[in-house]
C-alpha cells in the first residue's frame, strides 16, 4: 500500500492533468494516438493498462473478421483493429460520453469504425446486442466492459452469440456477475477462462478500485 501511495504522489507532482495529444509507447496499442491528460494515461502509454488481456486481443486480431467493442471508452481497442487488421465492420459502442472516442478516431484517421451511442441490454430503454449487424457466418470478436451491465448485454445477444460464435473478452465487476456470465455462455456452447490479475497489481493497481474487477475469455468449445 505504501508503494502504491508513493506512485500516485509522484504522478500528481510530475504529470499534468491537462488534456493533450500523445502516443501510446508500449503494449498492444503501441502507436495509437490519444487525447488524454498525462496524469491519467500513464498506464496505457506504458503498455500496463489491462495488460493481462493483451495476449487475447492479439489472438483476436489474427482471427476476427468483425469486432464489437462494447464500452469503447477512448477508442484504443477499436482504433487498434482499424489500423492493424482488416476486420470489418468495427462497431464501437459507447453510450456515456463519445467526445474523446470521436476525437481519437479522427486523430488516427480511422475510417472503418462505426460509433453506436446507445446502451445495450434487455431492459426496455436499451437496444439488444442482437440488433447490431455483423456477418454471423464469419468469426468475430466482442469486447465487453459495461460497468455492471455485462450479464444483461450478453442475454440481449443470445441469438448473435449462438449463431455467430464469436470470441469474447468480458470484464466483470462482481463475483456474482462473473458466475452468471460464464454460466450463460457455457449453456450456449462456450468454454470460459478467467484471466488472473497480474502479481504486480499490488504495486501498480488498476485505476478502478472495486472489490471484484477482472476479465474472462470465452470461445466456442
Protein backbone atom coordinates (compact mmCIF):
# COMPACT_ATOMS: atom_id res chain seq x y z
CA UNK A 1 0.00 0.00 0.00
CA UNK A 2 2.88 2.38 0.76
CA UNK A 3 4.41 1.79 -2.69
CA UNK A 4 1.04 2.49 -4.32
CA UNK A 5 0.66 5.73 -2.37
CA UNK A 6 4.13 6.89 -3.41
CA UNK A 7 3.38 6.01 -7.06
CA UNK A 8 0.25 8.20 -7.06
CA UNK A 9 2.05 11.06 -5.31
CA UNK A 10 4.83 11.07 -7.90
CA UNK A 11 2.26 11.11 -10.71
CA UNK A 12 0.41 14.07 -9.22
CA UNK A 13 3.60 16.10 -8.85
CA UNK A 14 5.33 15.35 -12.15
CA UNK A 15 2.44 14.99 -14.61
CA UNK A 16 -0.09 17.50 -15.89
CA UNK A 17 -3.82 16.91 -15.65
CA UNK A 18 -4.49 18.94 -18.82
CA UNK A 19 -5.55 17.01 -21.93
CA UNK A 20 -3.04 16.84 -24.77
CA UNK A 21 -2.24 14.68 -27.77
CA UNK A 22 0.15 11.82 -27.09
CA UNK A 23 1.12 8.41 -28.43
CA UNK A 24 0.93 5.05 -26.69
CA UNK A 25 4.57 3.94 -26.46
CA UNK A 26 4.36 0.27 -25.46
CA UNK A 27 1.99 -2.67 -25.40
CA UNK A 28 -0.60 -3.96 -27.83
CA UNK A 29 -1.89 -0.44 -28.62
CA UNK A 30 1.59 0.91 -29.39
CA UNK A 31 1.42 3.72 -31.96
CA UNK A 32 -2.19 4.74 -31.30
CA UNK A 33 -2.54 8.49 -30.80
CA UNK A 34 -4.79 9.65 -27.97
CA UNK A 35 -6.04 12.84 -26.41
CA UNK A 36 -5.69 12.45 -22.64
CA UNK A 37 -4.18 14.01 -19.57
CA UNK A 38 -0.64 12.69 -18.92
CA UNK A 39 -1.52 12.12 -15.26
CA UNK A 40 -4.41 9.78 -16.08
CA UNK A 41 -2.82 7.98 -19.04
CA UNK A 42 0.47 6.71 -17.59
CA UNK A 43 -0.54 3.05 -17.55
CA UNK A 44 -1.92 2.93 -21.08
CA UNK A 45 1.01 4.89 -22.53
CA UNK A 46 3.45 2.42 -20.92
CA UNK A 47 1.50 -0.64 -22.02
CA UNK A 48 0.36 -1.54 -18.49
CA UNK A 49 -3.35 -0.74 -18.73
CA UNK A 50 -5.24 -4.06 -18.56
CA UNK A 51 -2.06 -5.75 -19.81
CA UNK A 52 -3.39 -9.13 -18.72
CA UNK A 53 -5.76 -9.04 -21.72
CA UNK A 54 -3.18 -8.26 -24.41
CA UNK A 55 -2.44 -11.86 -25.45
CA UNK A 56 -6.15 -12.42 -26.09
CA UNK A 57 -6.50 -9.18 -28.05
CA UNK A 58 -3.56 -10.22 -30.24
CA UNK A 59 -5.22 -13.56 -30.88
CA UNK A 60 -8.49 -11.88 -31.82
CA UNK A 61 -6.58 -9.58 -34.17
CA UNK A 62 -5.33 -12.63 -36.08
CA UNK A 63 -8.70 -14.38 -36.29
CA UNK A 64 -11.59 -11.89 -36.17
CA UNK A 65 -13.36 -10.72 -39.31
CA UNK A 66 -15.53 -8.25 -37.37
CA UNK A 67 -15.39 -6.50 -34.00
CA UNK A 68 -17.90 -5.15 -31.50
CA UNK A 69 -16.19 -3.01 -28.84
CA UNK A 70 -18.76 -2.52 -26.05
CA UNK A 71 -17.67 0.16 -23.61
CA UNK A 72 -15.26 1.58 -26.16
CA UNK A 73 -14.15 4.42 -23.88
CA UNK A 74 -11.49 6.50 -25.64
CA UNK A 75 -11.38 4.04 -28.54
CA UNK A 76 -7.91 2.50 -28.29
CA UNK A 77 -9.14 -1.04 -29.00
CA UNK A 78 -11.32 -0.06 -31.96
CA UNK A 79 -8.53 2.07 -33.43
CA UNK A 80 -6.05 -0.80 -33.00
CA UNK A 81 -8.31 -3.12 -35.01
CA UNK A 82 -8.80 -0.44 -37.66
CA UNK A 83 -5.12 0.13 -38.40
CA UNK A 84 -3.67 -3.32 -37.59
CA UNK A 85 -6.31 -5.67 -39.07
CA UNK A 86 -8.80 -5.99 -41.91
CA UNK A 87 -11.76 -6.51 -39.60
CA UNK A 88 -14.99 -5.03 -40.94
CA UNK A 89 -17.26 -3.82 -39.51
CA UNK A 90 -15.73 -2.39 -36.36
CA UNK A 91 -18.54 -1.21 -34.08
CA UNK A 92 -17.59 0.96 -31.10
CA UNK A 93 -20.42 1.08 -28.55
CA UNK A 94 -20.15 3.93 -26.06
CA UNK A 95 -23.27 5.41 -24.51
CA UNK A 96 -21.87 7.56 -21.74
CA UNK A 97 -19.60 10.12 -23.45
CA UNK A 98 -18.28 9.85 -27.00
CA UNK A 99 -16.30 13.11 -27.13
CA UNK A 100 -12.84 11.56 -26.69
CA UNK A 101 -13.81 8.48 -28.68
CA UNK A 102 -14.78 10.55 -31.72
CA UNK A 103 -11.76 12.86 -31.35
CA UNK A 104 -9.36 9.92 -31.16
CA UNK A 105 -10.97 8.23 -34.17
CA UNK A 106 -10.46 11.45 -36.16
CA UNK A 107 -6.92 11.90 -34.81
CA UNK A 108 -5.94 8.42 -36.03
CA UNK A 109 -7.80 8.76 -39.34
CA UNK A 110 -9.76 5.60 -38.55
CA UNK A 111 -12.35 5.16 -41.28
CA UNK A 112 -13.93 1.75 -40.58
CA UNK A 113 -15.20 2.44 -37.07
CA UNK A 114 -18.96 2.85 -36.62
CA UNK A 115 -19.90 4.56 -33.34
CA UNK A 116 -23.11 3.42 -31.63
CA UNK A 117 -24.10 5.86 -28.91
CA UNK A 118 -26.62 3.59 -27.18
CA UNK A 119 -26.90 1.48 -24.05
CA UNK A 120 -27.22 -2.25 -24.72
CA UNK A 121 -29.19 -4.77 -22.70
CA UNK A 122 -32.52 -6.49 -22.19
CA UNK A 123 -34.14 -3.51 -20.47
CA UNK A 124 -36.92 -1.65 -22.26
CA UNK A 125 -34.90 1.55 -22.72
CA UNK A 126 -31.89 -0.25 -24.24
CA UNK A 127 -31.16 -1.88 -27.56
CA UNK A 128 -30.25 -5.57 -27.79
CA UNK A 129 -26.83 -6.81 -28.81
CA UNK A 130 -28.69 -8.92 -31.37
CA UNK A 131 -29.61 -5.74 -33.28
CA UNK A 132 -26.02 -4.93 -34.26
CA UNK A 133 -25.38 -6.00 -37.84
CA UNK A 134 -22.33 -8.22 -38.33
CA UNK A 135 -21.69 -11.13 -40.71
CA UNK A 136 -22.65 -14.05 -38.47
CA UNK A 137 -21.16 -16.60 -40.87
CA UNK A 138 -17.69 -15.17 -40.14
CA UNK A 139 -15.62 -15.39 -36.95
CA UNK A 140 -15.90 -12.23 -34.88
CA UNK A 141 -14.72 -10.72 -31.60
CA UNK A 142 -16.67 -8.94 -28.87
CA UNK A 143 -15.05 -6.98 -26.07
CA UNK A 144 -17.46 -6.19 -23.25
CA UNK A 145 -16.76 -3.67 -20.47
CA UNK A 146 -20.06 -2.21 -19.36
CA UNK A 147 -19.84 -1.49 -15.63
CA UNK A 148 -22.29 -3.99 -14.09
CA UNK A 149 -24.45 -4.38 -17.25
CA UNK A 150 -22.42 -7.27 -18.68
CA UNK A 151 -24.92 -10.06 -17.98
CA UNK A 152 -27.87 -8.10 -19.35
CA UNK A 153 -25.93 -7.35 -22.53
CA UNK A 154 -24.97 -10.99 -23.06
CA UNK A 155 -28.59 -12.02 -22.55
CA UNK A 156 -29.66 -9.48 -25.17
CA UNK A 157 -27.29 -11.08 -27.68
CA UNK A 158 -28.24 -14.75 -27.27
CA UNK A 159 -29.12 -15.18 -30.95
CA UNK A 160 -25.94 -13.48 -32.17
CA UNK A 161 -23.80 -15.47 -29.73
CA UNK A 162 -25.46 -18.76 -30.73
CA UNK A 163 -25.25 -18.18 -34.48
CA UNK A 164 -22.03 -16.22 -34.85
CA UNK A 165 -19.95 -17.98 -32.14
CA UNK A 166 -17.57 -15.01 -31.69
CA UNK A 167 -14.62 -14.86 -29.32
CA UNK A 168 -15.38 -12.76 -26.22
CA UNK A 169 -13.29 -10.78 -23.77
CA UNK A 170 -15.53 -9.76 -20.86
CA UNK A 171 -14.78 -7.64 -17.80
CA UNK A 172 -16.91 -8.48 -14.76
CA UNK A 173 -17.48 -6.21 -11.79
CA UNK A 174 -18.72 -8.65 -9.15
CA UNK A 175 -18.22 -12.33 -8.39
CA UNK A 176 -21.94 -12.96 -8.96
CA UNK A 177 -21.81 -11.34 -12.41
CA UNK A 178 -18.75 -13.36 -13.34
CA UNK A 179 -20.55 -16.56 -12.34
CA UNK A 180 -23.75 -15.66 -14.20
CA UNK A 181 -21.96 -14.56 -17.38
CA UNK A 182 -19.76 -17.65 -17.54
CA UNK A 183 -22.69 -19.99 -16.82
CA UNK A 184 -24.81 -18.33 -19.52
CA UNK A 185 -22.06 -18.65 -22.13
CA UNK A 186 -21.34 -22.26 -21.22
CA UNK A 187 -25.02 -23.04 -21.86
CA UNK A 188 -24.51 -21.63 -25.37
CA UNK A 189 -21.54 -23.91 -26.00
CA UNK A 190 -18.64 -21.69 -24.96
CA UNK A 191 -15.58 -22.54 -22.92
CA UNK A 192 -14.64 -19.81 -20.45
CA UNK A 193 -11.35 -18.95 -18.77
CA UNK A 194 -10.86 -16.38 -16.02
CA UNK A 195 -7.81 -14.16 -16.60
CA UNK A 196 -5.99 -13.70 -13.28
CA UNK A 197 -4.78 -10.25 -12.32
CA UNK A 198 -1.00 -9.81 -12.59
CA UNK A 199 1.03 -10.16 -9.39
CA UNK A 200 2.40 -6.65 -9.79
CA UNK A 201 -1.10 -5.14 -9.45
CA UNK A 202 -0.32 -4.99 -5.72
CA UNK A 203 2.19 -2.25 -6.62
CA UNK A 204 0.58 -0.68 -9.68
CA UNK A 205 -3.17 -1.31 -9.28
CA UNK A 206 -5.85 -0.81 -11.88
CA UNK A 207 -7.31 2.68 -11.76
CA UNK A 208 -10.77 1.40 -10.81
CA UNK A 209 -10.92 0.36 -7.18
CA UNK A 210 -13.53 -2.39 -6.91
CA UNK A 211 -13.70 -5.48 -4.73
CA UNK A 212 -14.01 -7.58 -7.89
CA UNK A 213 -12.64 -6.37 -11.23
CA UNK A 214 -11.22 -8.90 -13.68
CA UNK A 215 -11.62 -10.34 -17.16
CA UNK A 216 -12.53 -13.68 -18.66
CA UNK A 217 -12.08 -15.07 -22.15
CA UNK A 218 -14.74 -17.15 -23.92
CA UNK A 219 -14.73 -19.04 -27.20
CA UNK A 220 -16.75 -21.86 -28.77
CA UNK A 221 -15.78 -25.18 -27.21
